[in-house]
Amino acid sequence: MRKRQTGVTLMELLTVIMILGILAAIAVPSYRRYLQRAQRSDATTALLRLQSAQEKHFLQYGVYVTATANLPNAPTAGGLGLATASERGFYNLAVAATATGYTATATPVAGGGQADDVSCARFTITEAGTRQSLSSASVDTTLTCYR
């Protein structure tokens, strides 16, 4: 009488590993895209906060803050009292002067979680409330990125 062996064969083990590899190859990039979409709100929220602070500053002092270096200064010192980075730290904020106002820009922090988001590489907002998003190739992606 032969004793029956129990366990997993090498072929069964390799099949399971192959199936897990295929599932991981599908799930990880999908999850990464989901995270990128969710983290874009960090840029849009920061820009809306900056726009609100700019309007308040303009109403009180009659001028917009037009230099990024002035953002962290207190309003009485000619700044907005805002950080030059977004709340969660995924984006850097910058303000550029125009003839009649400003353009605020949010760009991903180099080496940060959003640095590889090429479809929504830069977000901007102006004093008129005009919002724009550009890809890394400078293609307008406002409709898909600025939600």
N, C-alpha and C. Protein backbone atom coordinates (compact mmCIF):
# COMPACT_ATOMS: atom_id res chain seq x y z
N MET A 1 0.83 -1.16 0.00
CA MET A 1 0.00 0.00 0.00
C MET A 1 0.90 1.25 0.00
N ARG A 2 0.64 2.14 -0.98
CA ARG A 2 1.45 3.37 -1.11
C ARG A 2 0.79 4.50 -0.35
N LYS A 3 1.62 5.25 0.28
CA LYS A 3 1.13 6.41 1.02
C LYS A 3 1.02 7.59 0.04
N ARG A 4 -0.13 8.24 0.01
CA ARG A 4 -0.39 9.36 -0.90
C ARG A 4 0.27 10.62 -0.34
N GLN A 5 1.04 11.31 -1.18
CA GLN A 5 1.70 12.54 -0.77
C GLN A 5 0.76 13.72 -0.97
N THR A 6 0.79 14.64 -0.05
CA THR A 6 -0.03 15.84 -0.16
C THR A 6 0.88 17.05 -0.27
N GLY A 7 0.35 18.12 -0.82
CA GLY A 7 1.14 19.35 -0.96
C GLY A 7 0.89 19.98 -2.31
N VAL A 8 1.71 20.95 -2.61
CA VAL A 8 1.56 21.72 -3.84
C VAL A 8 2.72 21.38 -4.75
N THR A 9 2.41 21.15 -6.00
CA THR A 9 3.48 20.86 -6.96
C THR A 9 4.13 22.17 -7.40
N LEU A 10 5.29 22.06 -7.97
CA LEU A 10 6.01 23.22 -8.46
C LEU A 10 5.21 23.92 -9.56
N MET A 11 4.56 23.18 -10.40
CA MET A 11 3.77 23.75 -11.48
C MET A 11 2.59 24.57 -10.94
N GLU A 12 1.93 24.08 -9.92
CA GLU A 12 0.81 24.80 -9.31
C GLU A 12 1.31 26.10 -8.66
N LEU A 13 2.45 26.03 -8.00
CA LEU A 13 3.03 27.20 -7.36
C LEU A 13 3.40 28.26 -8.39
N LEU A 14 4.02 27.86 -9.49
CA LEU A 14 4.38 28.80 -10.55
C LEU A 14 3.15 29.43 -11.19
N THR A 15 2.09 28.66 -11.33
CA THR A 15 0.84 29.18 -11.89
C THR A 15 0.26 30.27 -10.99
N VAL A 16 0.24 30.02 -9.69
CA VAL A 16 -0.27 31.02 -8.76
C VAL A 16 0.59 32.28 -8.78
N ILE A 17 1.90 32.14 -8.83
CA ILE A 17 2.80 33.29 -8.87
C ILE A 17 2.58 34.09 -10.15
N MET A 18 2.38 33.39 -11.26
CA MET A 18 2.15 34.06 -12.53
C MET A 18 0.83 34.85 -12.50
N ILE A 19 -0.20 34.29 -11.94
CA ILE A 19 -1.50 34.97 -11.84
C ILE A 19 -1.38 36.20 -10.94
N LEU A 20 -0.68 36.07 -9.81
CA LEU A 20 -0.48 37.22 -8.93
C LEU A 20 0.33 38.32 -9.61
N GLY A 21 1.31 37.94 -10.41
CA GLY A 21 2.10 38.92 -11.14
C GLY A 21 1.26 39.69 -12.15
N ILE A 22 0.38 38.99 -12.85
CA ILE A 22 -0.50 39.65 -13.82
C ILE A 22 -1.45 40.61 -13.12
N LEU A 23 -2.02 40.18 -12.01
CA LEU A 23 -2.93 41.05 -11.25
C LEU A 23 -2.20 42.29 -10.74
N ALA A 24 -0.98 42.13 -10.25
CA ALA A 24 -0.21 43.27 -9.76
C ALA A 24 0.14 44.22 -10.89
N ALA A 25 0.45 43.68 -12.07
CA ALA A 25 0.79 44.53 -13.22
C ALA A 25 -0.40 45.37 -13.66
N ILE A 26 -1.58 44.92 -13.42
CA ILE A 26 -2.79 45.67 -13.77
C ILE A 26 -3.17 46.63 -12.64
N ALA A 27 -3.11 46.18 -11.41
CA ALA A 27 -3.62 46.96 -10.27
C ALA A 27 -2.72 48.12 -9.87
N VAL A 28 -1.41 47.96 -9.87
CA VAL A 28 -0.51 49.00 -9.38
C VAL A 28 -0.58 50.27 -10.24
N PRO A 29 -0.47 50.19 -11.58
CA PRO A 29 -0.60 51.43 -12.37
C PRO A 29 -1.98 52.08 -12.23
N SER A 30 -3.01 51.29 -12.13
CA SER A 30 -4.35 51.83 -11.97
C SER A 30 -4.47 52.59 -10.65
N TYR A 31 -3.93 52.03 -9.60
CA TYR A 31 -3.95 52.69 -8.29
C TYR A 31 -3.13 53.97 -8.32
N ARG A 32 -1.99 53.96 -9.01
CA ARG A 32 -1.14 55.15 -9.11
C ARG A 32 -1.87 56.28 -9.82
N ARG A 33 -2.58 55.97 -10.91
CA ARG A 33 -3.37 56.99 -11.62
C ARG A 33 -4.46 57.54 -10.71
N TYR A 34 -5.09 56.70 -9.92
CA TYR A 34 -6.11 57.14 -8.97
C TYR A 34 -5.51 58.12 -7.97
N LEU A 35 -4.34 57.80 -7.43
CA LEU A 35 -3.67 58.69 -6.48
C LEU A 35 -3.34 60.04 -7.11
N GLN A 36 -2.84 60.02 -8.34
CA GLN A 36 -2.51 61.27 -9.01
C GLN A 36 -3.74 62.15 -9.16
N ARG A 37 -4.86 61.56 -9.59
CA ARG A 37 -6.09 62.35 -9.74
C ARG A 37 -6.53 62.93 -8.40
N ALA A 38 -6.44 62.14 -7.35
CA ALA A 38 -6.87 62.61 -6.03
C ALA A 38 -5.94 63.71 -5.51
N GLN A 39 -4.66 63.61 -5.77
CA GLN A 39 -3.70 64.58 -5.24
C GLN A 39 -3.67 65.88 -6.03
N ARG A 40 -4.29 65.90 -7.22
CA ARG A 40 -4.40 67.16 -7.97
C ARG A 40 -5.23 68.18 -7.22
N SER A 41 -6.13 67.73 -6.37
CA SER A 41 -6.95 68.66 -5.60
C SER A 41 -6.09 69.49 -4.66
N ASP A 42 -4.91 69.01 -4.31
CA ASP A 42 -3.99 69.78 -3.48
C ASP A 42 -3.58 71.07 -4.20
N ALA A 43 -3.34 70.98 -5.51
CA ALA A 43 -2.98 72.17 -6.30
C ALA A 43 -4.16 73.11 -6.45
N THR A 44 -5.30 72.58 -6.81
CA THR A 44 -6.46 73.45 -7.05
C THR A 44 -6.91 74.13 -5.77
N THR A 45 -6.88 73.42 -4.66
CA THR A 45 -7.25 74.02 -3.38
C THR A 45 -6.28 75.12 -2.99
N ALA A 46 -4.99 74.88 -3.19
CA ALA A 46 -3.98 75.88 -2.84
C ALA A 46 -4.14 77.13 -3.70
N LEU A 47 -4.44 76.95 -4.99
CA LEU A 47 -4.62 78.10 -5.86
C LEU A 47 -5.88 78.89 -5.50
N LEU A 48 -6.94 78.20 -5.16
CA LEU A 48 -8.16 78.90 -4.75
C LEU A 48 -7.94 79.66 -3.44
N ARG A 49 -7.19 79.07 -2.54
CA ARG A 49 -6.86 79.75 -1.28
C ARG A 49 -6.01 80.99 -1.56
N LEU A 50 -5.06 80.85 -2.48
CA LEU A 50 -4.20 81.98 -2.84
C LEU A 50 -5.03 83.08 -3.52
N GLN A 51 -5.95 82.70 -4.40
CA GLN A 51 -6.79 83.68 -5.07
C GLN A 51 -7.65 84.44 -4.05
N SER A 52 -8.21 83.74 -3.11
CA SER A 52 -9.02 84.37 -2.08
C SER A 52 -8.19 85.36 -1.25
N ALA A 53 -6.98 84.94 -0.88
CA ALA A 53 -6.10 85.82 -0.11
C ALA A 53 -5.69 87.03 -0.93
N GLN A 54 -5.46 86.84 -2.23
CA GLN A 54 -5.11 87.95 -3.11
C GLN A 54 -6.24 88.98 -3.16
N GLU A 55 -7.46 88.51 -3.31
CA GLU A 55 -8.60 89.42 -3.39
C GLU A 55 -8.78 90.19 -2.08
N LYS A 56 -8.61 89.50 -0.97
CA LYS A 56 -8.70 90.17 0.33
C LYS A 56 -7.60 91.23 0.47
N HIS A 57 -6.38 90.87 0.06
CA HIS A 57 -5.26 91.80 0.11
C HIS A 57 -5.53 93.00 -0.78
N PHE A 58 -6.08 92.77 -1.97
CA PHE A 58 -6.37 93.86 -2.90
C PHE A 58 -7.42 94.81 -2.32
N LEU A 59 -8.45 94.25 -1.69
CA LEU A 59 -9.49 95.09 -1.10
C LEU A 59 -8.94 95.95 0.04
N GLN A 60 -8.02 95.40 0.81
CA GLN A 60 -7.48 96.14 1.95
C GLN A 60 -6.38 97.13 1.56
N TYR A 61 -5.49 96.73 0.63
CA TYR A 61 -4.31 97.53 0.34
C TYR A 61 -4.26 98.11 -1.07
N GLY A 62 -5.20 97.71 -1.93
CA GLY A 62 -5.26 98.27 -3.28
C GLY A 62 -4.25 97.71 -4.27
N VAL A 63 -3.51 96.66 -3.88
CA VAL A 63 -2.54 96.04 -4.78
C VAL A 63 -2.57 94.53 -4.58
N TYR A 64 -2.17 93.83 -5.64
CA TYR A 64 -2.00 92.38 -5.55
C TYR A 64 -0.56 92.07 -5.17
N VAL A 65 -0.35 90.95 -4.54
CA VAL A 65 1.00 90.47 -4.27
C VAL A 65 1.48 89.82 -5.57
N THR A 66 2.60 90.30 -6.08
CA THR A 66 3.04 89.84 -7.40
C THR A 66 4.40 89.14 -7.38
N ALA A 67 4.93 88.84 -6.21
CA ALA A 67 6.21 88.14 -6.11
C ALA A 67 6.08 86.98 -5.13
N THR A 68 6.54 85.83 -5.54
CA THR A 68 6.45 84.64 -4.71
C THR A 68 7.15 84.84 -3.37
N ALA A 69 8.23 85.61 -3.37
CA ALA A 69 8.97 85.83 -2.12
C ALA A 69 8.11 86.54 -1.08
N ASN A 70 7.08 87.27 -1.51
CA ASN A 70 6.23 88.00 -0.56
C ASN A 70 5.09 87.16 -0.01
N LEU A 71 4.82 85.99 -0.58
CA LEU A 71 3.69 85.18 -0.12
C LEU A 71 3.75 84.87 1.37
N PRO A 72 4.88 84.43 1.91
CA PRO A 72 4.87 84.07 3.33
C PRO A 72 4.84 85.27 4.27
N ASN A 73 5.07 86.48 3.77
CA ASN A 73 5.03 87.66 4.64
C ASN A 73 3.62 87.93 5.14
N ALA A 74 3.51 88.55 6.26
CA ALA A 74 2.20 88.95 6.79
C ALA A 74 1.60 90.01 5.87
N PRO A 75 0.27 90.11 5.81
CA PRO A 75 -0.37 91.11 4.95
C PRO A 75 0.11 92.54 5.24
N THR A 76 0.40 92.87 6.47
CA THR A 76 0.87 94.22 6.79
C THR A 76 2.27 94.47 6.25
N ALA A 77 3.00 93.40 5.93
CA ALA A 77 4.34 93.53 5.36
C ALA A 77 4.31 93.34 3.85
N GLY A 78 3.13 93.42 3.24
CA GLY A 78 3.01 93.32 1.79
C GLY A 78 2.87 91.91 1.27
N GLY A 79 2.54 90.96 2.12
CA GLY A 79 2.39 89.57 1.68
C GLY A 79 1.00 89.05 1.93
N LEU A 80 0.84 87.75 1.74
CA LEU A 80 -0.46 87.13 1.95
C LEU A 80 -0.50 86.26 3.20
N GLY A 81 0.64 85.97 3.77
CA GLY A 81 0.67 85.09 4.93
C GLY A 81 0.43 83.64 4.56
N LEU A 82 0.67 83.30 3.28
CA LEU A 82 0.49 81.92 2.82
C LEU A 82 1.84 81.29 2.54
N ALA A 83 1.89 79.99 2.67
CA ALA A 83 3.12 79.25 2.36
C ALA A 83 3.33 79.21 0.85
N THR A 84 4.56 78.96 0.43
CA THR A 84 4.86 78.85 -0.99
C THR A 84 4.73 77.42 -1.48
N ALA A 85 4.17 76.56 -0.66
CA ALA A 85 3.88 75.18 -1.06
C ALA A 85 2.43 74.88 -0.69
N SER A 86 1.85 73.90 -1.38
CA SER A 86 0.47 73.52 -1.09
C SER A 86 0.38 72.86 0.28
N GLU A 87 -0.83 72.71 0.76
CA GLU A 87 -1.04 72.21 2.12
C GLU A 87 -0.41 70.84 2.36
N ARG A 88 -0.55 69.94 1.41
CA ARG A 88 0.00 68.59 1.57
C ARG A 88 1.40 68.46 1.02
N GLY A 89 1.93 69.53 0.44
CA GLY A 89 3.32 69.54 -0.02
C GLY A 89 3.57 68.90 -1.37
N PHE A 90 2.55 68.65 -2.16
CA PHE A 90 2.75 68.05 -3.47
C PHE A 90 3.11 69.08 -4.54
N TYR A 91 2.76 70.36 -4.29
CA TYR A 91 2.95 71.41 -5.30
C TYR A 91 3.63 72.63 -4.69
N ASN A 92 4.46 73.30 -5.52
CA ASN A 92 5.04 74.60 -5.18
C ASN A 92 4.16 75.68 -5.78
N LEU A 93 4.00 76.78 -5.07
CA LEU A 93 3.20 77.90 -5.55
C LEU A 93 4.11 79.05 -5.96
N ALA A 94 3.70 79.72 -7.04
CA ALA A 94 4.44 80.90 -7.51
C ALA A 94 3.43 81.93 -7.98
N VAL A 95 3.82 83.20 -7.89
CA VAL A 95 2.98 84.30 -8.36
C VAL A 95 3.83 85.14 -9.30
N ALA A 96 3.27 85.46 -10.47
CA ALA A 96 3.97 86.31 -11.44
C ALA A 96 3.13 87.56 -11.68
N ALA A 97 3.80 88.69 -11.80
CA ALA A 97 3.12 89.95 -12.04
C ALA A 97 2.70 90.06 -13.50
N THR A 98 1.53 90.65 -13.71
CA THR A 98 1.08 91.03 -15.04
C THR A 98 0.79 92.53 -15.00
N ALA A 99 0.39 93.09 -16.13
CA ALA A 99 0.15 94.53 -16.18
C ALA A 99 -0.98 94.95 -15.24
N THR A 100 -2.01 94.11 -15.10
CA THR A 100 -3.17 94.50 -14.30
C THR A 100 -3.48 93.55 -13.16
N GLY A 101 -2.63 92.60 -12.89
CA GLY A 101 -2.93 91.65 -11.83
C GLY A 101 -1.83 90.65 -11.61
N TYR A 102 -2.22 89.40 -11.57
CA TYR A 102 -1.26 88.34 -11.26
C TYR A 102 -1.69 87.03 -11.93
N THR A 103 -0.76 86.13 -12.01
CA THR A 103 -1.01 84.75 -12.41
C THR A 103 -0.35 83.87 -11.37
N ALA A 104 -1.14 83.06 -10.70
CA ALA A 104 -0.61 82.13 -9.69
C ALA A 104 -0.46 80.76 -10.33
N THR A 105 0.63 80.09 -10.02
CA THR A 105 0.93 78.80 -10.64
C THR A 105 1.27 77.78 -9.57
N ALA A 106 0.78 76.56 -9.78
CA ALA A 106 1.14 75.43 -8.92
C ALA A 106 1.83 74.39 -9.79
N THR A 107 3.04 74.04 -9.44
CA THR A 107 3.81 73.02 -10.15
C THR A 107 4.22 71.93 -9.17
N PRO A 108 4.29 70.69 -9.64
CA PRO A 108 4.66 69.59 -8.74
C PRO A 108 6.06 69.77 -8.15
N VAL A 109 6.21 69.37 -6.91
CA VAL A 109 7.51 69.40 -6.25
C VAL A 109 8.40 68.35 -6.93
N ALA A 110 9.61 68.73 -7.28
CA ALA A 110 10.54 67.81 -7.93
C ALA A 110 10.80 66.61 -7.02
N GLY A 111 10.65 65.42 -7.55
CA GLY A 111 10.86 64.20 -6.78
C GLY A 111 9.71 63.86 -5.86
N GLY A 112 8.65 64.66 -5.88
CA GLY A 112 7.49 64.41 -5.02
C GLY A 112 6.50 63.46 -5.66
N GLY A 113 5.39 63.26 -4.99
CA GLY A 113 4.38 62.31 -5.44
C GLY A 113 3.72 62.65 -6.75
N GLN A 114 3.70 63.93 -7.13
CA GLN A 114 3.03 64.33 -8.36
C GLN A 114 4.00 64.63 -9.49
N ALA A 115 5.28 64.47 -9.27
CA ALA A 115 6.28 64.82 -10.28
C ALA A 115 6.12 64.02 -11.57
N ASP A 116 5.57 62.82 -11.49
CA ASP A 116 5.40 62.01 -12.70
C ASP A 116 4.01 62.13 -13.31
N ASP A 117 3.24 63.11 -12.87
CA ASP A 117 1.92 63.37 -13.44
C ASP A 117 2.09 64.27 -14.66
N VAL A 118 2.38 63.67 -15.81
CA VAL A 118 2.70 64.44 -17.01
C VAL A 118 1.46 65.05 -17.67
N SER A 119 0.29 64.49 -17.43
CA SER A 119 -0.91 65.04 -18.07
C SER A 119 -1.41 66.30 -17.40
N CYS A 120 -1.08 66.51 -16.15
CA CYS A 120 -1.49 67.72 -15.41
C CYS A 120 -0.27 68.27 -14.68
N ALA A 121 0.66 68.82 -15.45
CA ALA A 121 1.95 69.22 -14.88
C ALA A 121 1.96 70.62 -14.29
N ARG A 122 0.99 71.46 -14.67
CA ARG A 122 0.98 72.83 -14.16
C ARG A 122 -0.44 73.36 -14.11
N PHE A 123 -0.79 73.98 -13.00
CA PHE A 123 -2.10 74.59 -12.81
C PHE A 123 -1.89 76.09 -12.62
N THR A 124 -2.77 76.90 -13.23
CA THR A 124 -2.68 78.35 -13.06
C THR A 124 -4.07 78.93 -12.80
N ILE A 125 -4.06 80.11 -12.18
CA ILE A 125 -5.28 80.89 -11.99
C ILE A 125 -4.88 82.36 -12.03
N THR A 126 -5.74 83.19 -12.60
CA THR A 126 -5.44 84.61 -12.71
C THR A 126 -6.36 85.43 -11.82
N GLU A 127 -6.10 86.73 -11.77
CA GLU A 127 -6.94 87.62 -10.97
C GLU A 127 -8.38 87.65 -11.47
N ALA A 128 -8.59 87.32 -12.75
CA ALA A 128 -9.94 87.29 -13.32
C ALA A 128 -10.64 85.96 -13.06
N GLY A 129 -9.94 85.03 -12.41
CA GLY A 129 -10.52 83.72 -12.11
C GLY A 129 -10.35 82.71 -13.22
N THR A 130 -9.58 83.04 -14.25
CA THR A 130 -9.34 82.12 -15.36
C THR A 130 -8.44 80.99 -14.89
N ARG A 131 -8.93 79.78 -15.04
CA ARG A 131 -8.18 78.59 -14.61
C ARG A 131 -7.65 77.85 -15.83
N GLN A 132 -6.44 77.31 -15.69
CA GLN A 132 -5.86 76.55 -16.78
C GLN A 132 -4.95 75.47 -16.22
N SER A 133 -4.92 74.35 -16.92
CA SER A 133 -4.01 73.26 -16.59
C SER A 133 -3.29 72.86 -17.87
N LEU A 134 -1.99 72.66 -17.76
CA LEU A 134 -1.18 72.26 -18.91
C LEU A 134 -0.45 70.96 -18.62
N SER A 135 -0.29 70.16 -19.68
CA SER A 135 0.50 68.94 -19.54
C SER A 135 1.98 69.30 -19.60
N SER A 136 2.84 68.32 -19.43
CA SER A 136 4.28 68.59 -19.49
C SER A 136 4.72 69.00 -20.89
N ALA A 137 3.89 68.70 -21.91
CA ALA A 137 4.18 69.11 -23.28
C ALA A 137 3.46 70.42 -23.62
N SER A 138 2.96 71.13 -22.60
CA SER A 138 2.25 72.41 -22.75
C SER A 138 0.96 72.30 -23.56
N VAL A 139 0.30 71.16 -23.46
CA VAL A 139 -1.01 70.98 -24.08
C VAL A 139 -2.07 71.32 -23.04
N ASP A 140 -3.09 72.07 -23.44
CA ASP A 140 -4.15 72.48 -22.52
C ASP A 140 -4.97 71.26 -22.10
N THR A 141 -4.96 70.96 -20.79
CA THR A 141 -5.71 69.83 -20.24
C THR A 141 -6.67 70.28 -19.16
N THR A 142 -7.15 71.51 -19.29
CA THR A 142 -8.00 72.11 -18.26
C THR A 142 -9.26 71.29 -18.00
N LEU A 143 -9.91 70.81 -19.06
CA LEU A 143 -11.18 70.10 -18.88
C LEU A 143 -11.01 68.79 -18.12
N THR A 144 -9.88 68.14 -18.24
CA THR A 144 -9.70 66.86 -17.56
C THR A 144 -8.99 66.99 -16.21
N CYS A 145 -8.20 68.04 -16.03
CA CYS A 145 -7.40 68.15 -14.81
C CYS A 145 -7.99 69.08 -13.76
N TYR A 146 -8.60 70.15 -14.19
CA TYR A 146 -9.10 71.18 -13.26
C TYR A 146 -10.55 70.90 -12.94
N ARG A 147 -10.80 70.07 -11.95
CA ARG A 147 -12.18 69.71 -11.60
C ARG A 147 -12.60 70.36 -10.33
